[in-house]
Amino acid sequence: MTTRRTDPPLAVDESTTLLAFLDYHRDTLRLKTEGLTQAQLGATLPPGKLTLAGLLKHMALVESSWFSEVFLGESMMAPFDTADWDADRDWEFTTAPQDSPKQLRELFDEAVSRSDAIIRVALDLGGLDGLSAKESRHHKEFFSLRWILVHMIEEYARHNGHADLIRESIDGVTGE
């Protein structure tokens, strides 16, 4: 394993804490998917259909959706910007097993890098209280950067639990 995961610091300011937990969970997903073949990344844990490949591609989509599309009001990154979501609402999950481990990791890392750049600029301009360009479909309010960061941590934490179970079923690897 080459991914190094750092525990979040215990007593720092709010933005540093949120970013450290986000990075911690990103690295957890990297660890759970590291060193596996394409077939292993495409394996399911019956009766579910979720794969580690799907989780990597889904979280790349989530990064691009929340930071580029919702926060900035721009298009999502490729390939998400041209996917036929009307034909397949789960496109990222259904196509991921056809992608190589290298392609999935590069897509995920690119999405994270783009998100981090957006976060840095947003923190400089408006801090955690900076508001998104798009409003919530449900509440007709804008999202604060703080809300998006907490939501991203929640999204990773939930899917990292799935990744734990799937990875253990593939090769017995367990751990944090």
Protein backbone atom coordinates (compact mmCIF):
# COMPACT_ATOMS: atom_id res chain seq x y z
CA MET A 1 0.00 0.00 0.00
CA THR A 2 1.31 3.43 -0.92
CA THR A 3 -1.47 5.70 0.34
CA ARG A 4 -0.53 7.43 3.56
CA ARG A 5 -3.42 8.56 5.71
CA THR A 6 -2.95 11.21 8.37
CA ASP A 7 -5.17 11.47 11.44
CA PRO A 8 -6.90 14.85 11.68
CA PRO A 9 -5.36 17.23 14.24
CA LEU A 10 -7.12 17.44 17.59
CA ALA A 11 -7.20 21.18 18.31
CA VAL A 12 -7.20 23.47 15.28
CA ASP A 13 -9.58 25.94 13.66
CA GLU A 14 -12.82 24.87 12.00
CA SER A 15 -11.72 24.95 8.36
CA THR A 16 -8.52 23.02 9.10
CA THR A 17 -10.56 20.42 10.99
CA LEU A 18 -13.09 20.01 8.18
CA LEU A 19 -10.42 19.76 5.47
CA ALA A 20 -8.38 17.29 7.52
CA PHE A 21 -11.41 15.01 8.02
CA LEU A 22 -12.27 15.27 4.33
CA ASP A 23 -8.71 14.29 3.37
CA TYR A 24 -8.75 11.48 5.94
CA HIS A 25 -11.87 9.99 4.38
CA ARG A 26 -10.59 10.45 0.83
CA ASP A 27 -7.45 8.55 1.82
CA THR A 28 -9.54 5.86 3.48
CA LEU A 29 -11.29 5.20 0.16
CA ARG A 30 -7.91 5.16 -1.59
CA LEU A 31 -6.65 2.59 0.94
CA LYS A 32 -9.74 0.40 0.54
CA THR A 33 -9.31 0.29 -3.24
CA GLU A 34 -5.52 0.16 -3.45
CA GLY A 35 -3.65 -2.77 -4.93
CA LEU A 36 -6.67 -4.47 -6.47
CA THR A 37 -7.12 -5.75 -10.00
CA GLN A 38 -9.88 -4.57 -12.32
CA ALA A 39 -11.81 -7.77 -11.61
CA GLN A 40 -11.47 -7.28 -7.85
CA LEU A 41 -12.58 -3.64 -8.08
CA GLY A 42 -15.61 -4.87 -10.04
CA ALA A 43 -16.54 -7.57 -7.52
CA THR A 44 -19.81 -7.30 -5.60
CA LEU A 45 -20.83 -8.48 -2.16
CA PRO A 46 -24.15 -10.27 -2.80
CA PRO A 47 -26.95 -9.52 -2.65
CA GLY A 48 -25.73 -5.98 -3.36
CA LYS A 49 -24.47 -4.70 -6.71
CA LEU A 50 -22.10 -2.06 -5.32
CA THR A 51 -18.44 -2.33 -6.33
CA LEU A 52 -15.27 -0.64 -5.19
CA ALA A 53 -14.84 0.57 -8.78
CA GLY A 54 -18.30 2.10 -8.58
CA LEU A 55 -17.49 3.78 -5.28
CA LEU A 56 -14.33 5.38 -6.68
CA LYS A 57 -16.16 6.69 -9.75
CA HIS A 58 -19.18 7.76 -7.69
CA MET A 59 -17.05 9.77 -5.29
CA ALA A 60 -15.26 11.43 -8.22
CA LEU A 61 -18.73 12.38 -9.49
CA VAL A 62 -19.79 13.63 -6.05
CA GLU A 63 -16.65 15.77 -5.76
CA SER A 64 -17.27 17.31 -9.19
CA SER A 65 -20.99 17.73 -8.63
CA TRP A 66 -20.76 19.49 -5.27
CA PHE A 67 -17.75 21.69 -5.88
CA SER A 68 -17.86 22.47 -9.62
CA GLU A 69 -21.57 22.23 -10.38
CA VAL A 70 -23.27 23.29 -7.16
CA PHE A 71 -20.71 25.56 -5.53
CA LEU A 72 -19.33 27.26 -8.65
CA GLY A 73 -22.32 26.81 -10.94
CA GLU A 74 -20.12 25.33 -13.66
CA SER A 75 -20.22 22.06 -15.57
CA MET A 76 -18.97 18.87 -14.01
CA MET A 77 -15.66 17.50 -15.21
CA ALA A 78 -15.36 14.88 -17.96
CA PRO A 79 -16.70 12.23 -18.28
CA PHE A 80 -19.59 13.25 -16.04
CA ASP A 81 -20.44 16.32 -18.11
CA THR A 82 -21.42 14.23 -21.14
CA ALA A 83 -22.83 11.08 -19.53
CA ASP A 84 -26.40 10.20 -20.51
CA TRP A 85 -27.94 10.48 -17.04
CA ASP A 86 -31.47 10.17 -18.46
CA ALA A 87 -30.65 6.75 -19.92
CA ASP A 88 -28.85 5.53 -16.77
CA ARG A 89 -29.20 7.38 -13.44
CA ASP A 90 -26.48 5.12 -12.02
CA TRP A 91 -24.11 5.60 -14.95
CA GLU A 92 -21.01 6.00 -12.77
CA PHE A 93 -21.74 2.74 -10.96
CA THR A 94 -22.64 0.70 -14.04
CA THR A 95 -19.69 1.86 -16.16
CA ALA A 96 -16.98 1.77 -13.48
CA PRO A 97 -16.18 -1.97 -13.67
CA GLN A 98 -15.10 -1.47 -17.30
CA ASP A 99 -12.51 1.11 -16.24
CA SER A 100 -9.00 0.05 -15.27
CA PRO A 101 -7.73 0.63 -11.74
CA LYS A 102 -5.39 3.31 -13.17
CA GLN A 103 -8.25 5.10 -14.95
CA LEU A 104 -10.41 5.04 -11.82
CA ARG A 105 -7.61 6.32 -9.58
CA GLU A 106 -6.69 9.09 -12.03
CA LEU A 107 -10.33 10.17 -12.34
CA PHE A 108 -10.75 10.19 -8.57
CA ASP A 109 -7.49 12.06 -7.98
CA GLU A 110 -8.32 14.63 -10.66
CA ALA A 111 -11.73 15.26 -9.10
CA VAL A 112 -10.16 15.69 -5.66
CA SER A 113 -7.49 18.03 -7.04
CA ARG A 114 -10.12 20.19 -8.77
CA SER A 115 -12.23 20.27 -5.61
CA ASP A 116 -9.25 21.26 -3.48
CA ALA A 117 -8.47 24.15 -5.82
CA ILE A 118 -12.08 25.37 -5.58
CA ILE A 119 -12.04 25.02 -1.79
CA ARG A 120 -8.80 27.03 -1.46
CA VAL A 121 -10.17 29.92 -3.52
CA ALA A 122 -13.54 29.80 -1.73
CA LEU A 123 -11.89 29.92 1.69
CA ASP A 124 -9.80 32.91 0.61
CA LEU A 125 -12.84 34.77 -0.76
CA GLY A 126 -15.64 34.04 1.68
CA GLY A 127 -14.48 31.47 4.17
CA LEU A 128 -16.77 28.70 5.32
CA ASP A 129 -19.77 31.03 5.06
CA GLY A 130 -19.31 31.48 1.31
CA LEU A 131 -22.46 30.46 -0.57
CA SER A 132 -22.95 28.20 -3.55
CA ALA A 133 -23.97 29.44 -6.99
CA LYS A 134 -26.82 26.91 -7.11
CA GLU A 135 -29.57 26.63 -4.57
CA SER A 136 -31.05 23.52 -3.00
CA ARG A 137 -33.87 21.95 -5.00
CA HIS A 138 -35.69 21.21 -1.75
CA HIS A 139 -35.19 24.32 0.35
CA LYS A 140 -34.64 27.07 -2.23
CA GLU A 141 -31.64 28.28 -0.25
CA PHE A 142 -27.96 28.35 -1.10
CA PHE A 143 -25.42 25.99 0.46
CA SER A 144 -22.57 27.32 2.57
CA LEU A 145 -19.12 25.91 1.94
CA ARG A 146 -19.27 24.65 5.52
CA TRP A 147 -22.43 22.65 4.77
CA ILE A 148 -20.89 21.16 1.61
CA LEU A 149 -17.71 20.13 3.44
CA VAL A 150 -19.68 18.46 6.23
CA HIS A 151 -21.89 16.74 3.66
CA MET A 152 -18.82 15.48 1.78
CA ILE A 153 -17.37 14.04 5.00
CA GLU A 154 -20.72 12.32 5.66
CA GLU A 155 -20.84 10.97 2.09
CA TYR A 156 -17.32 9.53 2.35
CA ALA A 157 -17.94 8.07 5.81
CA ARG A 158 -21.05 6.25 4.59
CA HIS A 159 -19.38 4.88 1.47
CA ASN A 160 -16.19 3.97 3.31
CA GLY A 161 -18.34 1.66 5.44
CA HIS A 162 -19.51 0.00 2.24
CA ALA A 163 -15.90 -0.18 1.03
CA ASP A 164 -14.84 -1.91 4.28
CA LEU A 165 -17.33 -4.71 3.75
CA ILE A 166 -16.65 -5.15 0.04
CA ARG A 167 -12.85 -5.14 0.48
CA GLU A 168 -13.01 -7.71 3.27
CA SER A 169 -15.14 -9.98 1.06
CA ILE A 170 -12.54 -9.76 -1.75
CA ASP A 171 -9.31 -10.55 0.06
CA GLY A 172 -9.92 -10.45 3.80
CA VAL A 173 -8.24 -7.06 4.27
CA THR A 174 -9.74 -5.20 7.20
CA GLY A 175 -8.75 -2.16 9.17
CA GLU A 176 -9.54 1.46 9.65
